[in-house]
Amino acid sequence: MSWLFGRFKAPAAPVPPPSPPAPERSFHEDMTERVRALVASTRRSGGQLPVQASIQLFAMLDHLTELLDHTVVAPPTVEEQIAIEFMLKDYIPSTVNAYLASRAAPEVKDAQLVAQLQLLLDRAHAMAEAVYAHDSAQLEINGRFLREKFG
């Protein structure tokens, strides 16, 4: 009780044990959630976007979903992760948001959006093709090894 009169410091409050760190989400989980958010956003914005742009967006998101599913069985390289992440977190949203914020004439901004989304769709398609080509090459190498070993 002598701490009441300033002779001693008040007893320290008990320090709670540190909380365990939040489990780190995998790249696949994080990016899959991002794809789901973009699909939902595309559906909500569908009436404001040209039909061709909506088709391009859904095709692009399908390619990226396939790539993400592939990352579960074959971990992506750092470059692949960066390409997928930037596509989902920056390029697609910023392109659509720029269109939605634009005050340009509808035919002008529609044409620009479709052209820009085509560039992104081509890139997503090229990324998927590169992964498939790599997988095919790996199968070929394995087959060659087996023929040499057992053939």
N, C-alpha and C. Protein backbone atom coordinates (compact mmCIF):
# COMPACT_ATOMS: atom_id res chain seq x y z
N MET A 1 0.81 -1.19 0.00
CA MET A 1 0.00 0.00 0.00
C MET A 1 0.85 1.26 0.00
N SER A 2 2.10 1.12 0.25
CA SER A 2 2.92 2.31 0.29
C SER A 2 3.04 2.95 -1.09
N TRP A 3 2.70 2.25 -2.10
CA TRP A 3 2.75 2.84 -3.44
C TRP A 3 1.69 3.91 -3.61
N LEU A 4 0.66 3.90 -2.76
CA LEU A 4 -0.38 4.92 -2.85
C LEU A 4 0.16 6.31 -2.54
N PHE A 5 1.18 6.39 -1.70
CA PHE A 5 1.71 7.68 -1.30
C PHE A 5 2.98 8.05 -2.04
N GLY A 6 3.29 7.34 -3.10
CA GLY A 6 4.41 7.71 -3.94
C GLY A 6 5.75 7.20 -3.52
N ARG A 7 5.85 6.39 -2.46
CA ARG A 7 7.15 5.89 -2.05
C ARG A 7 7.66 4.81 -2.98
N PHE A 8 6.79 4.04 -3.48
CA PHE A 8 7.16 2.96 -4.40
C PHE A 8 6.27 3.04 -5.63
N LYS A 9 6.75 2.50 -6.69
CA LYS A 9 5.94 2.48 -7.91
C LYS A 9 4.81 1.48 -7.76
N ALA A 10 3.73 1.78 -8.46
CA ALA A 10 2.59 0.87 -8.46
C ALA A 10 3.02 -0.45 -9.09
N PRO A 11 2.44 -1.53 -8.61
CA PRO A 11 2.81 -2.81 -9.20
C PRO A 11 2.44 -2.83 -10.68
N ALA A 12 3.31 -3.40 -11.43
CA ALA A 12 3.09 -3.47 -12.88
C ALA A 12 1.93 -4.41 -13.18
N ALA A 13 1.15 -4.01 -14.16
CA ALA A 13 0.05 -4.87 -14.59
C ALA A 13 0.64 -6.11 -15.27
N PRO A 14 0.00 -7.22 -15.10
CA PRO A 14 0.55 -8.42 -15.74
C PRO A 14 0.55 -8.27 -17.27
N VAL A 15 1.62 -8.71 -17.84
CA VAL A 15 1.76 -8.61 -19.29
C VAL A 15 1.13 -9.86 -19.92
N PRO A 16 0.16 -9.65 -20.80
CA PRO A 16 -0.46 -10.84 -21.42
C PRO A 16 0.54 -11.50 -22.37
N PRO A 17 0.42 -12.79 -22.51
CA PRO A 17 1.35 -13.47 -23.41
C PRO A 17 1.11 -12.99 -24.85
N PRO A 18 2.17 -12.96 -25.64
CA PRO A 18 1.99 -12.48 -27.02
C PRO A 18 1.05 -13.41 -27.78
N SER A 19 0.23 -12.79 -28.62
CA SER A 19 -0.68 -13.61 -29.41
C SER A 19 0.10 -14.26 -30.54
N PRO A 20 -0.31 -15.45 -30.91
CA PRO A 20 0.44 -16.12 -31.98
C PRO A 20 0.28 -15.34 -33.29
N PRO A 21 1.31 -15.36 -34.11
CA PRO A 21 1.21 -14.62 -35.37
C PRO A 21 0.12 -15.23 -36.26
N ALA A 22 -0.50 -14.37 -37.02
CA ALA A 22 -1.54 -14.85 -37.95
C ALA A 22 -0.88 -15.75 -38.98
N PRO A 23 -1.53 -16.85 -39.30
CA PRO A 23 -0.92 -17.73 -40.29
C PRO A 23 -0.78 -17.02 -41.63
N GLU A 24 0.37 -17.21 -42.24
CA GLU A 24 0.64 -16.56 -43.51
C GLU A 24 -0.14 -17.27 -44.61
N ARG A 25 -0.80 -16.47 -45.43
CA ARG A 25 -1.57 -17.05 -46.53
C ARG A 25 -0.65 -17.37 -47.69
N SER A 26 -0.98 -18.43 -48.37
CA SER A 26 -0.15 -18.82 -49.51
C SER A 26 -0.43 -17.89 -50.69
N PHE A 27 0.50 -17.89 -51.61
CA PHE A 27 0.33 -17.10 -52.83
C PHE A 27 -0.96 -17.51 -53.53
N HIS A 28 -1.19 -18.81 -53.62
CA HIS A 28 -2.39 -19.33 -54.28
C HIS A 28 -3.66 -18.81 -53.61
N GLU A 29 -3.71 -18.87 -52.29
CA GLU A 29 -4.91 -18.40 -51.56
C GLU A 29 -5.12 -16.90 -51.76
N ASP A 30 -4.06 -16.16 -51.65
CA ASP A 30 -4.16 -14.70 -51.78
C ASP A 30 -4.63 -14.30 -53.18
N MET A 31 -4.03 -14.90 -54.19
CA MET A 31 -4.38 -14.53 -55.57
C MET A 31 -5.75 -15.09 -55.97
N THR A 32 -6.13 -16.26 -55.44
CA THR A 32 -7.45 -16.81 -55.73
C THR A 32 -8.53 -15.90 -55.16
N GLU A 33 -8.28 -15.37 -53.98
CA GLU A 33 -9.24 -14.41 -53.40
C GLU A 33 -9.32 -13.16 -54.26
N ARG A 34 -8.19 -12.74 -54.80
CA ARG A 34 -8.17 -11.56 -55.67
C ARG A 34 -8.97 -11.83 -56.95
N VAL A 35 -8.83 -13.04 -57.51
CA VAL A 35 -9.61 -13.38 -58.72
C VAL A 35 -11.10 -13.34 -58.40
N ARG A 36 -11.48 -13.93 -57.26
CA ARG A 36 -12.91 -13.92 -56.88
C ARG A 36 -13.43 -12.49 -56.75
N ALA A 37 -12.63 -11.62 -56.17
CA ALA A 37 -13.03 -10.22 -56.02
C ALA A 37 -13.18 -9.55 -57.39
N LEU A 38 -12.28 -9.84 -58.30
CA LEU A 38 -12.37 -9.25 -59.64
C LEU A 38 -13.57 -9.80 -60.41
N VAL A 39 -13.88 -11.08 -60.25
CA VAL A 39 -15.06 -11.65 -60.90
C VAL A 39 -16.31 -10.97 -60.37
N ALA A 40 -16.40 -10.81 -59.05
CA ALA A 40 -17.56 -10.15 -58.45
C ALA A 40 -17.66 -8.70 -58.92
N SER A 41 -16.53 -8.02 -58.97
CA SER A 41 -16.51 -6.63 -59.42
C SER A 41 -16.93 -6.52 -60.88
N THR A 42 -16.47 -7.46 -61.70
CA THR A 42 -16.84 -7.46 -63.12
C THR A 42 -18.33 -7.68 -63.28
N ARG A 43 -18.89 -8.56 -62.47
CA ARG A 43 -20.34 -8.80 -62.54
C ARG A 43 -21.11 -7.55 -62.13
N ARG A 44 -20.64 -6.89 -61.08
CA ARG A 44 -21.33 -5.68 -60.61
C ARG A 44 -21.23 -4.55 -61.63
N SER A 45 -20.08 -4.45 -62.30
CA SER A 45 -19.85 -3.37 -63.26
C SER A 45 -20.30 -3.74 -64.66
N GLY A 46 -20.82 -4.94 -64.84
CA GLY A 46 -21.17 -5.44 -66.16
C GLY A 46 -22.03 -4.49 -66.98
N GLY A 47 -22.97 -3.83 -66.37
CA GLY A 47 -23.83 -2.92 -67.11
C GLY A 47 -23.12 -1.67 -67.56
N GLN A 48 -22.02 -1.33 -66.92
CA GLN A 48 -21.28 -0.12 -67.26
C GLN A 48 -20.17 -0.39 -68.27
N LEU A 49 -19.87 -1.66 -68.50
CA LEU A 49 -18.77 -2.03 -69.40
C LEU A 49 -19.32 -2.49 -70.74
N PRO A 50 -18.55 -2.28 -71.81
CA PRO A 50 -18.96 -2.84 -73.09
C PRO A 50 -19.00 -4.37 -73.00
N VAL A 51 -19.89 -4.99 -73.75
CA VAL A 51 -20.03 -6.45 -73.71
C VAL A 51 -18.69 -7.12 -74.02
N GLN A 52 -17.99 -6.63 -75.04
CA GLN A 52 -16.70 -7.21 -75.41
C GLN A 52 -15.71 -7.13 -74.26
N ALA A 53 -15.73 -6.04 -73.50
CA ALA A 53 -14.81 -5.89 -72.37
C ALA A 53 -15.12 -6.92 -71.28
N SER A 54 -16.40 -7.15 -71.02
CA SER A 54 -16.78 -8.16 -70.02
C SER A 54 -16.31 -9.54 -70.46
N ILE A 55 -16.48 -9.85 -71.73
CA ILE A 55 -16.03 -11.14 -72.25
C ILE A 55 -14.52 -11.27 -72.08
N GLN A 56 -13.79 -10.22 -72.41
CA GLN A 56 -12.33 -10.25 -72.27
C GLN A 56 -11.92 -10.43 -70.81
N LEU A 57 -12.59 -9.71 -69.92
CA LEU A 57 -12.25 -9.82 -68.50
C LEU A 57 -12.46 -11.24 -67.99
N PHE A 58 -13.61 -11.83 -68.32
CA PHE A 58 -13.87 -13.19 -67.84
C PHE A 58 -12.89 -14.20 -68.46
N ALA A 59 -12.54 -14.03 -69.72
CA ALA A 59 -11.56 -14.92 -70.35
C ALA A 59 -10.20 -14.78 -69.67
N MET A 60 -9.81 -13.55 -69.38
CA MET A 60 -8.53 -13.29 -68.73
C MET A 60 -8.51 -13.91 -67.33
N LEU A 61 -9.59 -13.74 -66.60
CA LEU A 61 -9.66 -14.30 -65.25
C LEU A 61 -9.67 -15.83 -65.29
N ASP A 62 -10.25 -16.41 -66.34
CA ASP A 62 -10.19 -17.87 -66.51
C ASP A 62 -8.75 -18.33 -66.71
N HIS A 63 -8.01 -17.64 -67.57
CA HIS A 63 -6.59 -17.98 -67.79
C HIS A 63 -5.81 -17.87 -66.48
N LEU A 64 -6.04 -16.80 -65.75
CA LEU A 64 -5.29 -16.59 -64.50
C LEU A 64 -5.68 -17.61 -63.44
N THR A 65 -6.95 -18.02 -63.43
CA THR A 65 -7.39 -19.07 -62.50
C THR A 65 -6.69 -20.38 -62.81
N GLU A 66 -6.58 -20.71 -64.10
CA GLU A 66 -5.86 -21.92 -64.50
C GLU A 66 -4.39 -21.86 -64.06
N LEU A 67 -3.79 -20.70 -64.23
CA LEU A 67 -2.39 -20.54 -63.80
C LEU A 67 -2.27 -20.71 -62.29
N LEU A 68 -3.21 -20.14 -61.55
CA LEU A 68 -3.17 -20.27 -60.10
C LEU A 68 -3.37 -21.71 -59.67
N ASP A 69 -4.27 -22.42 -60.33
CA ASP A 69 -4.47 -23.83 -60.01
C ASP A 69 -3.19 -24.63 -60.27
N HIS A 70 -2.47 -24.24 -61.30
CA HIS A 70 -1.22 -24.90 -61.63
C HIS A 70 -0.16 -24.65 -60.56
N THR A 71 -0.21 -23.48 -59.90
CA THR A 71 0.79 -23.17 -58.87
C THR A 71 0.69 -24.09 -57.66
N VAL A 72 -0.44 -24.76 -57.51
CA VAL A 72 -0.59 -25.69 -56.39
C VAL A 72 0.30 -26.92 -56.60
N VAL A 73 0.38 -27.40 -57.83
CA VAL A 73 1.17 -28.60 -58.11
C VAL A 73 2.59 -28.28 -58.56
N ALA A 74 2.80 -27.11 -59.11
CA ALA A 74 4.13 -26.69 -59.56
C ALA A 74 4.37 -25.27 -59.09
N PRO A 75 5.09 -25.10 -57.99
CA PRO A 75 5.30 -23.76 -57.47
C PRO A 75 5.85 -22.81 -58.53
N PRO A 76 5.29 -21.60 -58.59
CA PRO A 76 5.72 -20.65 -59.62
C PRO A 76 7.08 -20.04 -59.29
N THR A 77 7.74 -19.58 -60.33
CA THR A 77 8.98 -18.84 -60.13
C THR A 77 8.63 -17.45 -59.60
N VAL A 78 9.62 -16.74 -59.16
CA VAL A 78 9.39 -15.39 -58.67
C VAL A 78 8.83 -14.51 -59.78
N GLU A 79 9.36 -14.68 -60.99
CA GLU A 79 8.87 -13.89 -62.12
C GLU A 79 7.41 -14.19 -62.42
N GLU A 80 7.03 -15.48 -62.35
CA GLU A 80 5.64 -15.85 -62.59
C GLU A 80 4.73 -15.27 -61.52
N GLN A 81 5.17 -15.33 -60.27
CA GLN A 81 4.39 -14.75 -59.18
C GLN A 81 4.18 -13.26 -59.39
N ILE A 82 5.24 -12.57 -59.74
CA ILE A 82 5.15 -11.13 -59.94
C ILE A 82 4.21 -10.81 -61.09
N ALA A 83 4.32 -11.55 -62.18
CA ALA A 83 3.45 -11.31 -63.34
C ALA A 83 1.99 -11.52 -62.99
N ILE A 84 1.68 -12.61 -62.30
CA ILE A 84 0.30 -12.89 -61.91
C ILE A 84 -0.20 -11.85 -60.92
N GLU A 85 0.62 -11.55 -59.93
CA GLU A 85 0.22 -10.60 -58.89
C GLU A 85 -0.05 -9.21 -59.46
N PHE A 86 0.85 -8.73 -60.31
CA PHE A 86 0.64 -7.39 -60.89
C PHE A 86 -0.58 -7.37 -61.79
N MET A 87 -0.80 -8.46 -62.51
CA MET A 87 -1.97 -8.52 -63.38
C MET A 87 -3.24 -8.39 -62.53
N LEU A 88 -3.30 -9.12 -61.42
CA LEU A 88 -4.52 -9.15 -60.61
C LEU A 88 -4.67 -7.94 -59.69
N LYS A 89 -3.56 -7.44 -59.18
CA LYS A 89 -3.64 -6.34 -58.21
C LYS A 89 -3.54 -4.96 -58.83
N ASP A 90 -2.96 -4.87 -60.03
CA ASP A 90 -2.72 -3.55 -60.60
C ASP A 90 -3.31 -3.39 -62.00
N TYR A 91 -2.83 -4.16 -62.95
CA TYR A 91 -3.16 -3.90 -64.35
C TYR A 91 -4.65 -4.00 -64.64
N ILE A 92 -5.28 -5.08 -64.22
CA ILE A 92 -6.71 -5.23 -64.51
C ILE A 92 -7.54 -4.18 -63.77
N PRO A 93 -7.39 -4.05 -62.45
CA PRO A 93 -8.22 -3.04 -61.75
C PRO A 93 -7.98 -1.61 -62.23
N SER A 94 -6.72 -1.25 -62.46
CA SER A 94 -6.45 0.14 -62.87
C SER A 94 -7.01 0.42 -64.26
N THR A 95 -6.99 -0.56 -65.14
CA THR A 95 -7.53 -0.38 -66.48
C THR A 95 -9.04 -0.15 -66.42
N VAL A 96 -9.73 -1.00 -65.67
CA VAL A 96 -11.19 -0.88 -65.56
C VAL A 96 -11.56 0.40 -64.81
N ASN A 97 -10.85 0.71 -63.75
CA ASN A 97 -11.16 1.93 -62.98
C ASN A 97 -10.93 3.19 -63.81
N ALA A 98 -9.89 3.18 -64.63
CA ALA A 98 -9.65 4.34 -65.51
C ALA A 98 -10.80 4.51 -66.48
N TYR A 99 -11.30 3.40 -67.00
CA TYR A 99 -12.45 3.46 -67.91
C TYR A 99 -13.67 4.01 -67.19
N LEU A 100 -13.96 3.48 -66.01
CA LEU A 100 -15.15 3.90 -65.27
C LEU A 100 -15.08 5.37 -64.87
N ALA A 101 -13.88 5.89 -64.63
CA ALA A 101 -13.72 7.28 -64.22
C ALA A 101 -13.65 8.24 -65.41
N SER A 102 -13.48 7.70 -66.60
CA SER A 102 -13.30 8.54 -67.78
C SER A 102 -14.56 9.31 -68.16
N ARG A 103 -14.35 10.52 -68.60
CA ARG A 103 -15.44 11.37 -69.10
C ARG A 103 -15.39 11.49 -70.62
N ALA A 104 -14.57 10.67 -71.25
CA ALA A 104 -14.44 10.70 -72.71
C ALA A 104 -15.73 10.21 -73.35
N ALA A 105 -15.85 10.47 -74.63
CA ALA A 105 -17.02 10.02 -75.37
C ALA A 105 -17.11 8.50 -75.27
N PRO A 106 -18.31 7.96 -75.10
CA PRO A 106 -18.47 6.51 -74.90
C PRO A 106 -17.79 5.66 -75.97
N GLU A 107 -17.92 6.03 -77.23
CA GLU A 107 -17.32 5.20 -78.28
C GLU A 107 -15.79 5.22 -78.19
N VAL A 108 -15.23 6.35 -77.77
CA VAL A 108 -13.77 6.46 -77.64
C VAL A 108 -13.28 5.62 -76.46
N LYS A 109 -13.89 5.80 -75.32
CA LYS A 109 -13.42 5.08 -74.15
C LYS A 109 -13.72 3.58 -74.25
N ASP A 110 -14.83 3.21 -74.93
CA ASP A 110 -15.11 1.79 -75.15
C ASP A 110 -14.02 1.15 -75.99
N ALA A 111 -13.64 1.81 -77.08
CA ALA A 111 -12.61 1.27 -77.97
C ALA A 111 -11.27 1.17 -77.24
N GLN A 112 -10.95 2.16 -76.44
CA GLN A 112 -9.68 2.13 -75.71
C GLN A 112 -9.67 1.01 -74.67
N LEU A 113 -10.77 0.84 -73.97
CA LEU A 113 -10.84 -0.23 -72.96
C LEU A 113 -10.68 -1.59 -73.61
N VAL A 114 -11.41 -1.82 -74.70
CA VAL A 114 -11.33 -3.12 -75.37
C VAL A 114 -9.90 -3.37 -75.87
N ALA A 115 -9.25 -2.35 -76.42
CA ALA A 115 -7.87 -2.51 -76.91
C ALA A 115 -6.92 -2.82 -75.75
N GLN A 116 -7.07 -2.11 -74.64
CA GLN A 116 -6.19 -2.33 -73.50
C GLN A 116 -6.42 -3.70 -72.87
N LEU A 117 -7.68 -4.09 -72.76
CA LEU A 117 -7.97 -5.42 -72.21
C LEU A 117 -7.48 -6.52 -73.14
N GLN A 118 -7.48 -6.27 -74.43
CA GLN A 118 -6.95 -7.27 -75.38
C GLN A 118 -5.46 -7.48 -75.14
N LEU A 119 -4.73 -6.39 -74.86
CA LEU A 119 -3.31 -6.53 -74.54
C LEU A 119 -3.11 -7.40 -73.29
N LEU A 120 -3.92 -7.14 -72.28
CA LEU A 120 -3.81 -7.92 -71.05
C LEU A 120 -4.23 -9.37 -71.27
N LEU A 121 -5.29 -9.57 -72.05
CA LEU A 121 -5.75 -10.93 -72.35
C LEU A 121 -4.67 -11.69 -73.12
N ASP A 122 -4.03 -11.03 -74.09
CA ASP A 122 -2.95 -11.67 -74.84
C ASP A 122 -1.80 -12.06 -73.91
N ARG A 123 -1.50 -11.20 -72.95
CA ARG A 123 -0.42 -11.49 -72.00
C ARG A 123 -0.80 -12.66 -71.10
N ALA A 124 -2.04 -12.69 -70.61
CA ALA A 124 -2.48 -13.81 -69.77
C ALA A 124 -2.43 -15.11 -70.57
N HIS A 125 -2.86 -15.05 -71.83
CA HIS A 125 -2.81 -16.23 -72.69
C HIS A 125 -1.37 -16.68 -72.91
N ALA A 126 -0.47 -15.75 -73.15
CA ALA A 126 0.94 -16.08 -73.34
C ALA A 126 1.55 -16.70 -72.08
N MET A 127 1.16 -16.18 -70.92
CA MET A 127 1.66 -16.75 -69.67
C MET A 127 1.19 -18.20 -69.52
N ALA A 128 -0.07 -18.45 -69.82
CA ALA A 128 -0.60 -19.82 -69.73
C ALA A 128 0.10 -20.74 -70.73
N GLU A 129 0.29 -20.27 -71.95
CA GLU A 129 0.97 -21.06 -72.98
C GLU A 129 2.40 -21.39 -72.56
N ALA A 130 3.09 -20.45 -71.94
CA ALA A 130 4.46 -20.70 -71.49
C ALA A 130 4.50 -21.79 -70.43
N VAL A 131 3.53 -21.77 -69.52
CA VAL A 131 3.47 -22.80 -68.48
C VAL A 131 3.20 -24.16 -69.11
N TYR A 132 2.26 -24.21 -70.05
CA TYR A 132 1.93 -25.48 -70.70
C TYR A 132 3.13 -26.00 -71.50
N ALA A 133 3.85 -25.11 -72.17
CA ALA A 133 5.03 -25.52 -72.93
C ALA A 133 6.10 -26.07 -71.99
N HIS A 134 6.27 -25.44 -70.85
CA HIS A 134 7.24 -25.91 -69.86
C HIS A 134 6.85 -27.29 -69.36
N ASP A 135 5.56 -27.48 -69.06
CA ASP A 135 5.09 -28.79 -68.60
C ASP A 135 5.33 -29.85 -69.66
N SER A 136 5.05 -29.52 -70.90
CA SER A 136 5.26 -30.46 -72.00
C SER A 136 6.73 -30.82 -72.12
N ALA A 137 7.59 -29.83 -71.99
CA ALA A 137 9.03 -30.09 -72.07
C ALA A 137 9.48 -30.99 -70.92
N GLN A 138 8.92 -30.78 -69.73
CA GLN A 138 9.29 -31.61 -68.59
C GLN A 138 8.86 -33.06 -68.82
N LEU A 139 7.68 -33.26 -69.40
CA LEU A 139 7.23 -34.62 -69.70
C LEU A 139 8.13 -35.28 -70.74
N GLU A 140 8.53 -34.50 -71.72
CA GLU A 140 9.42 -35.02 -72.76
C GLU A 140 10.76 -35.43 -72.16
N ILE A 141 11.30 -34.61 -71.29
CA ILE A 141 12.58 -34.92 -70.64
C ILE A 141 12.45 -36.19 -69.81
N ASN A 142 11.35 -36.32 -69.07
CA ASN A 142 11.14 -37.51 -68.26
C ASN A 142 11.02 -38.75 -69.14
N GLY A 143 10.30 -38.63 -70.26
CA GLY A 143 10.17 -39.75 -71.19
C GLY A 143 11.51 -40.17 -71.76
N ARG A 144 12.34 -39.19 -72.12
CA ARG A 144 13.67 -39.48 -72.65
C ARG A 144 14.51 -40.21 -71.61
N PHE A 145 14.43 -39.75 -70.37
CA PHE A 145 15.17 -40.40 -69.29
C PHE A 145 14.72 -41.85 -69.14
N LEU A 146 13.42 -42.08 -69.13
CA LEU A 146 12.91 -43.44 -68.96
C LEU A 146 13.31 -44.33 -70.13
N ARG A 147 13.29 -43.81 -71.34
CA ARG A 147 13.71 -44.61 -72.50
C ARG A 147 15.19 -44.99 -72.39
N GLU A 148 16.02 -44.05 -71.96
CA GLU A 148 17.44 -44.33 -71.82
C GLU A 148 17.70 -45.33 -70.68
N LYS A 149 16.94 -45.19 -69.63
CA LYS A 149 17.15 -46.03 -68.45
C LYS A 149 16.61 -47.44 -68.65
N PHE A 150 15.41 -47.55 -69.24
CA PHE A 150 14.75 -48.85 -69.31
C PHE A 150 14.48 -49.34 -70.74
N GLY A 151 14.75 -48.51 -71.74
CA GLY A 151 14.39 -48.88 -73.11
C GLY A 151 15.44 -49.60 -73.86
